[in-house]
C-alpha atoms as a PDB file:
ATOM      1  CA  UNK A   1      47.402  13.866-197.257  1.00  0.00           C
ATOM      2  CA  UNK A   2      46.327  10.931-199.419  1.00  0.00           C
ATOM      3  CA  UNK A   3      42.652   9.962-199.342  1.00  0.00           C
ATOM      4  CA  UNK A   4      41.908   6.829-197.324  1.00  0.00           C
ATOM      5  CA  UNK A   5      41.904   3.641-199.342  1.00  0.00           C
ATOM      6  CA  UNK A   6      38.520   2.076-199.887  1.00  0.00           C
ATOM      7  CA  UNK A   7      37.884  -1.282-198.357  1.00  0.00           C
ATOM      8  CA  UNK A   8      37.469  -4.119-200.835  1.00  0.00           C
ATOM      9  CA  UNK A   9      34.157  -5.961-200.888  1.00  0.00           C
ATOM     10  CA  UNK A  10      35.839  -9.064-199.465  1.00  0.00           C
ATOM     11  CA  UNK A  11      37.439  -7.092-196.614  1.00  0.00           C
ATOM     12  CA  UNK A  12      34.099  -5.419-195.871  1.00  0.00           C
ATOM     13  CA  UNK A  13      32.357  -8.809-195.806  1.00  0.00           C
ATOM     14  CA  UNK A  14      34.911 -10.282-193.402  1.00  0.00           C
ATOM     15  CA  UNK A  15      34.632  -7.225-191.154  1.00  0.00           C
ATOM     16  CA  UNK A  16      30.840  -7.536-191.071  1.00  0.00           C
ATOM     17  CA  UNK A  17      30.883 -11.303-190.492  1.00  0.00           C
ATOM     18  CA  UNK A  18      33.368 -11.046-187.632  1.00  0.00           C
ATOM     19  CA  UNK A  19      31.313  -8.284-185.994  1.00  0.00           C
ATOM     20  CA  UNK A  20      27.966 -10.087-186.060  1.00  0.00           C
ATOM     21  CA  UNK A  21      28.969 -13.413-184.482  1.00  0.00           C
ATOM     22  CA  UNK A  22      27.821 -12.600-180.900  1.00  0.00           C
ATOM     23  CA  UNK A  23      24.438 -11.176-181.933  1.00  0.00           C
ATOM     24  CA  UNK A  24      23.733 -14.112-184.273  1.00  0.00           C
ATOM     25  CA  UNK A  25      24.584 -16.594-181.527  1.00  0.00           C
ATOM     26  CA  UNK A  26      22.196 -14.693-179.243  1.00  0.00           C
ATOM     27  CA  UNK A  27      19.248 -14.327-181.650  1.00  0.00           C
ATOM     28  CA  UNK A  28      19.773 -17.131-184.162  1.00  0.00           C
ATOM     29  CA  UNK A  29      18.121 -17.200-187.556  1.00  0.00           C
ATOM     30  CA  UNK A  30      15.283 -14.962-186.302  1.00  0.00           C
ATOM     31  CA  UNK A  31      17.646 -11.985-186.115  1.00  0.00           C
ATOM     32  CA  UNK A  32      16.558  -8.909-188.044  1.00  0.00           C
ATOM     33  CA  UNK A  33      18.629  -7.101-190.640  1.00  0.00           C
ATOM     34  CA  UNK A  34      18.459  -4.021-188.364  1.00  0.00           C
ATOM     35  CA  UNK A  35      20.080  -5.992-185.512  1.00  0.00           C
ATOM     36  CA  UNK A  36      22.741  -7.279-187.902  1.00  0.00           C
ATOM     37  CA  UNK A  37      23.495  -3.797-189.214  1.00  0.00           C
ATOM     38  CA  UNK A  38      23.689  -2.359-185.693  1.00  0.00           C
ATOM     39  CA  UNK A  39      26.066  -5.120-184.587  1.00  0.00           C
ATOM     40  CA  UNK A  40      28.270  -4.554-187.637  1.00  0.00           C
ATOM     41  CA  UNK A  41      28.165  -0.786-187.264  1.00  0.00           C
ATOM     42  CA  UNK A  42      26.918  -0.279-190.817  1.00  0.00           C
ATOM     43  CA  UNK A  43      23.694   0.709-192.542  1.00  0.00           C
ATOM     44  CA  UNK A  44      21.274  -2.005-193.624  1.00  0.00           C
ATOM     45  CA  UNK A  45      21.926  -1.020-197.232  1.00  0.00           C
ATOM     46  CA  UNK A  46      25.610  -1.888-196.749  1.00  0.00           C
ATOM     47  CA  UNK A  47      24.590  -5.377-195.629  1.00  0.00           C
ATOM     48  CA  UNK A  48      22.447  -5.871-198.705  1.00  0.00           C
ATOM     49  CA  UNK A  49      25.086  -4.481-201.077  1.00  0.00           C
ATOM     50  CA  UNK A  50      27.683  -6.754-199.484  1.00  0.00           C
ATOM     51  CA  UNK A  51      25.638  -9.976-199.297  1.00  0.00           C
ATOM     52  CA  UNK A  52      22.416  -9.600-201.279  1.00  0.00           C
ATOM     53  CA  UNK A  53      19.990 -10.677-198.572  1.00  0.00           C
ATOM     54  CA  UNK A  54      19.897 -11.712-194.929  1.00  0.00           C
ATOM     55  CA  UNK A  55      19.907 -15.472-195.603  1.00  0.00           C
ATOM     56  CA  UNK A  56      22.964 -15.130-197.861  1.00  0.00           C
ATOM     57  CA  UNK A  57      24.734 -13.153-195.143  1.00  0.00           C
ATOM     58  CA  UNK A  58      23.945 -15.816-192.531  1.00  0.00           C
ATOM     59  CA  UNK A  59      25.080 -18.637-194.833  1.00  0.00           C
ATOM     60  CA  UNK A  60      28.298 -16.691-195.441  1.00  0.00           C
ATOM     61  CA  UNK A  61      28.719 -16.408-191.667  1.00  0.00           C
ATOM     62  CA  UNK A  62      28.449 -20.176-191.270  1.00  0.00           C
ATOM     63  CA  UNK A  63      30.929 -20.703-194.114  1.00  0.00           C
ATOM     64  CA  UNK A  64      33.372 -18.266-192.496  1.00  0.00           C
ATOM     65  CA  UNK A  65      33.028 -20.073-189.167  1.00  0.00           C
ATOM     66  CA  UNK A  66      33.825 -23.354-190.912  1.00  0.00           C
ATOM     67  CA  UNK A  67      36.689 -21.799-192.883  1.00  0.00           C
ATOM     68  CA  UNK A  68      38.334 -20.576-189.678  1.00  0.00           C
ATOM     69  CA  UNK A  69      37.649 -23.871-187.914  1.00  0.00           C
ATOM     70  CA  UNK A  70      39.238 -25.998-190.597  1.00  0.00           C
ATOM     71  CA  UNK A  71      42.391 -23.866-190.865  1.00  0.00           C
ATOM     72  CA  UNK A  72      45.231 -25.550-188.989  1.00  0.00           C
ATOM     73  CA  UNK A  73      47.994 -23.199-190.119  1.00  0.00           C
ATOM     74  CA  UNK A  74      48.697 -22.227-186.516  1.00  0.00           C
ATOM     75  CA  UNK A  75      49.648 -25.859-185.775  1.00  0.00           C
ATOM     76  CA  UNK A  76      52.353 -26.094-188.437  1.00  0.00           C
ATOM     77  CA  UNK A  77      55.117 -25.410-185.885  1.00  0.00           C
ATOM     78  CA  UNK A  78      54.667 -28.815-184.211  1.00  0.00           C
ATOM     79  CA  UNK A  79      57.514 -30.419-186.188  1.00  0.00           C
ATOM     80  CA  UNK A  80      59.734 -30.977-183.142  1.00  0.00           C
ATOM     81  CA  UNK A  81      56.925 -31.691-180.668  1.00  0.00           C
ATOM     82  CA  UNK A  82      56.312 -35.019-178.981  1.00  0.00           C
ATOM     83  CA  UNK A  83      53.349 -37.146-179.999  1.00  0.00           C
ATOM     84  CA  UNK A  84      51.536 -36.228-176.775  1.00  0.00           C
ATOM     85  CA  UNK A  85      52.135 -32.499-177.326  1.00  0.00           C
ATOM     86  CA  UNK A  86      51.006 -32.793-180.953  1.00  0.00           C
ATOM     87  CA  UNK A  87      47.802 -34.665-180.067  1.00  0.00           C
ATOM     88  CA  UNK A  88      47.054 -32.289-177.200  1.00  0.00           C
ATOM     89  CA  UNK A  89      47.583 -29.204-179.393  1.00  0.00           C
ATOM     90  CA  UNK A  90      45.398 -30.562-182.196  1.00  0.00           C
ATOM     91  CA  UNK A  91      42.688 -31.628-179.733  1.00  0.00           C
ATOM     92  CA  UNK A  92      42.670 -28.222-178.054  1.00  0.00           C
ATOM     93  CA  UNK A  93      42.373 -26.299-181.309  1.00  0.00           C
ATOM     94  CA  UNK A  94      39.775 -28.619-182.833  1.00  0.00           C
ATOM     95  CA  UNK A  95      37.550 -28.643-179.749  1.00  0.00           C
ATOM     96  CA  UNK A  96      37.329 -24.856-179.648  1.00  0.00           C
ATOM     97  CA  UNK A  97      36.730 -24.625-183.380  1.00  0.00           C
ATOM     98  CA  UNK A  98      34.227 -27.489-183.583  1.00  0.00           C
ATOM     99  CA  UNK A  99      32.369 -25.871-180.695  1.00  0.00           C
ATOM    100  CA  UNK A 100      32.129 -22.652-182.733  1.00  0.00           C
ATOM    101  CA  UNK A 101      30.749 -24.559-185.738  1.00  0.00           C
ATOM    102  CA  UNK A 102      28.295 -26.458-183.543  1.00  0.00           C
ATOM    103  CA  UNK A 103      27.012 -23.269-181.866  1.00  0.00           C
ATOM    104  CA  UNK A 104      26.643 -21.523-185.210  1.00  0.00           C
ATOM    105  CA  UNK A 105      24.837 -24.528-186.723  1.00  0.00           C
ATOM    106  CA  UNK A 106      22.347 -24.482-183.855  1.00  0.00           C
ATOM    107  CA  UNK A 107      21.828 -20.727-184.192  1.00  0.00           C
ATOM    108  CA  UNK A 108      21.353 -20.904-187.962  1.00  0.00           C
ATOM    109  CA  UNK A 109      19.601 -24.269-188.115  1.00  0.00           C
ATOM    110  CA  UNK A 110      16.499 -23.219-190.080  1.00  0.00           C
ATOM    111  CA  UNK A 111      18.557 -21.462-192.747  1.00  0.00           C
ATOM    112  CA  UNK A 112      21.055 -24.295-193.067  1.00  0.00           C
ATOM    113  CA  UNK A 113      18.287 -26.902-193.229  1.00  0.00           C
ATOM    114  CA  UNK A 114      16.475 -24.941-195.921  1.00  0.00           C
ATOM    115  CA  UNK A 115      19.477 -25.165-198.229  1.00  0.00           C
ATOM    116  CA  UNK A 116      19.711 -28.930-197.764  1.00  0.00           C
ATOM    117  CA  UNK A 117      22.514 -31.230-196.773  1.00  0.00           C
ATOM    118  CA  UNK A 118      25.785 -30.672-198.490  1.00  0.00           C
ATOM    119  CA  UNK A 119      29.080 -32.320-197.847  1.00  0.00           C
ATOM    120  CA  UNK A 120      31.907 -29.963-197.053  1.00  0.00           C
ATOM    121  CA  UNK A 121      35.137 -31.133-198.701  1.00  0.00           C
ATOM    122  CA  UNK A 122      37.055 -29.172-196.064  1.00  0.00           C
ATOM    123  CA  UNK A 123      36.110 -31.823-193.499  1.00  0.00           C
ATOM    124  CA  UNK A 124      38.075 -34.463-195.419  1.00  0.00           C
ATOM    125  CA  UNK A 125      40.896 -31.990-196.041  1.00  0.00           C
ATOM    126  CA  UNK A 126      41.020 -31.431-192.285  1.00  0.00           C
ATOM    127  CA  UNK A 127      41.539 -35.161-191.733  1.00  0.00           C
ATOM    128  CA  UNK A 128      44.375 -35.100-194.266  1.00  0.00           C
ATOM    129  CA  UNK A 129      46.062 -32.158-192.501  1.00  0.00           C
ATOM    130  CA  UNK A 130      45.737 -33.846-189.117  1.00  0.00           C
ATOM    131  CA  UNK A 131      47.127 -37.075-190.604  1.00  0.00           C
ATOM    132  CA  UNK A 132      50.093 -35.143-192.000  1.00  0.00           C
ATOM    133  CA  UNK A 133      50.841 -33.721-188.549  1.00  0.00           C
ATOM    134  CA  UNK A 134      50.553 -37.181-187.000  1.00  0.00           C
ATOM    135  CA  UNK A 135      52.680 -38.765-189.751  1.00  0.00           C
ATOM    136  CA  UNK A 136      55.699 -37.153-188.088  1.00  0.00           C
ATOM    137  CA  UNK A 137      55.087 -39.737-185.340  1.00  0.00           C
ATOM    138  CA  UNK A 138      54.055 -42.690-187.527  1.00  0.00           C
ATOM    139  CA  UNK A 139      56.549 -45.002-185.816  1.00  0.00           C
ATOM    140  CA  UNK A 140      54.833 -44.294-182.467  1.00  0.00           C
ATOM    141  CA  UNK A 141      51.287 -44.903-183.733  1.00  0.00           C
ATOM    142  CA  UNK A 142      49.496 -48.254-183.511  1.00  0.00           C
ATOM    143  CA  UNK A 143      47.367 -47.305-186.541  1.00  0.00           C
ATOM    144  CA  UNK A 144      47.962 -45.431-189.778  1.00  0.00           C
ATOM    145  CA  UNK A 145      47.985 -41.609-189.456  1.00  0.00           C
ATOM    146  CA  UNK A 146      44.646 -41.202-191.329  1.00  0.00           C
ATOM    147  CA  UNK A 147      42.972 -43.622-188.889  1.00  0.00           C
ATOM    148  CA  UNK A 148      44.482 -41.766-185.929  1.00  0.00           C
ATOM    149  CA  UNK A 149      43.317 -38.496-187.506  1.00  0.00           C
ATOM    150  CA  UNK A 150      39.752 -39.827-187.804  1.00  0.00           C
ATOM    151  CA  UNK A 151      39.798 -40.919-184.153  1.00  0.00           C
ATOM    152  CA  UNK A 152      41.135 -37.544-183.041  1.00  0.00           C
ATOM    153  CA  UNK A 153      38.630 -35.657-185.159  1.00  0.00           C
ATOM    154  CA  UNK A 154      35.744 -37.782-183.862  1.00  0.00           C
ATOM    155  CA  UNK A 155      36.637 -37.483-180.177  1.00  0.00           C
ATOM    156  CA  UNK A 156      37.242 -33.740-180.390  1.00  0.00           C
ATOM    157  CA  UNK A 157      33.936 -33.265-182.176  1.00  0.00           C
ATOM    158  CA  UNK A 158      32.192 -35.208-179.408  1.00  0.00           C
ATOM    159  CA  UNK A 159      33.958 -33.163-176.728  1.00  0.00           C
ATOM    160  CA  UNK A 160      33.086 -29.924-178.520  1.00  0.00           C
ATOM    161  CA  UNK A 161      29.365 -30.660-178.578  1.00  0.00           C
ATOM    162  CA  UNK A 162      29.369 -31.237-174.825  1.00  0.00           C
ATOM    163  CA  UNK A 163      26.721 -33.934-175.218  1.00  0.00           C
ATOM    164  CA  UNK A 164      24.145 -31.588-173.743  1.00  0.00           C
ATOM    165  CA  UNK A 165      26.527 -30.303-171.041  1.00  0.00           C
ATOM    166  CA  UNK A 166      26.693 -33.795-169.566  1.00  0.00           C
ATOM    167  CA  UNK A 167      30.116 -34.651-170.894  1.00  0.00           C
ATOM    168  CA  UNK A 168      32.862 -35.032-168.370  1.00  0.00           C
ATOM    169  CA  UNK A 169      35.436 -35.309-171.154  1.00  0.00           C
ATOM    170  CA  UNK A 170      38.077 -32.599-171.448  1.00  0.00           C
ATOM    171  CA  UNK A 171      41.159 -32.261-173.644  1.00  0.00           C
ATOM    172  CA  UNK A 172      43.406 -34.237-171.310  1.00  0.00           C
ATOM    173  CA  UNK A 173      40.845 -37.063-171.531  1.00  0.00           C
ATOM    174  CA  UNK A 174      40.839 -36.899-175.341  1.00  0.00           C
ATOM    175  CA  UNK A 175      44.637 -36.974-175.412  1.00  0.00           C
ATOM    176  CA  UNK A 176      44.801 -39.796-172.867  1.00  0.00           C
ATOM    177  CA  UNK A 177      42.220 -41.931-174.648  1.00  0.00           C
ATOM    178  CA  UNK A 178      43.933 -41.482-177.990  1.00  0.00           C
ATOM    179  CA  UNK A 179      47.380 -42.249-176.643  1.00  0.00           C
ATOM    180  CA  UNK A 180      46.590 -44.941-174.077  1.00  0.00           C
ATOM    181  CA  UNK A 181      43.053 -46.223-174.677  1.00  0.00           C
ATOM    182  CA  UNK A 182      40.347 -46.549-172.068  1.00  0.00           C
ATOM    183  CA  UNK A 183      41.685 -49.609-170.228  1.00  0.00           C
ATOM    184  CA  UNK A 184      43.605 -49.105-167.020  1.00  0.00           C
ATOM    185  CA  UNK A 185      47.096 -50.463-167.148  1.00  0.00           C
ATOM    186  CA  UNK A 186      48.110 -49.741-163.546  1.00  0.00           C
ATOM    187  CA  UNK A 187      46.096 -52.532-161.946  1.00  0.00           C
ATOM    188  CA  UNK A 188      46.007 -56.246-162.514  1.00  0.00           C
ATOM    189  CA  UNK A 189      42.855 -58.221-162.839  1.00  0.00           C
ATOM    190  CA  UNK A 190      41.860 -59.849-159.640  1.00  0.00           C
ATOM    191  CA  UNK A 191      40.538 -63.355-159.794  1.00  0.00           C
ATOM    192  CA  UNK A 192      36.921 -63.747-158.887  1.00  0.00           C
ATOM    193  CA  UNK A 193      36.250 -66.209-156.124  1.00  0.00           C
END
């Protein structure tokens, strides 16, 4: 019998990061390295060998959350879909993923703030990927695909944050607003007497 293959450092890191998401969302930046190790099912020394220190591990967790959120590979099969199906699929995926980023940013706020503001080029790349998906329907759009992509990205981000749990907006609302606007078209204006 061949000896088991050793896990690469990158595979080990991904395994650890995926395992610690729930406990980090529960405890935030105040989490201890012991809690992280227990959640990952590894020794604390393994955490430190894999990431250096706790803050580096938590920053890597946020980066992984963003990496997963900005990956739209699972939407590439929309080539034959209608505009409404395409917008609805993009909105559904983005809302779930933006919600994950938002929750992680809240949980890790002190650590992320300590490193300072940095622009993530993946956010612009995301707009470009959305625009490419919408370009298949350019003849149906009232605006250029990058403008439609910005609108879709903005509305899904707003829906994902929940506006403090006061938002009544869901994905059908996002799709409807993007495709038809906010004005009713089924009633005529009545004259005021």
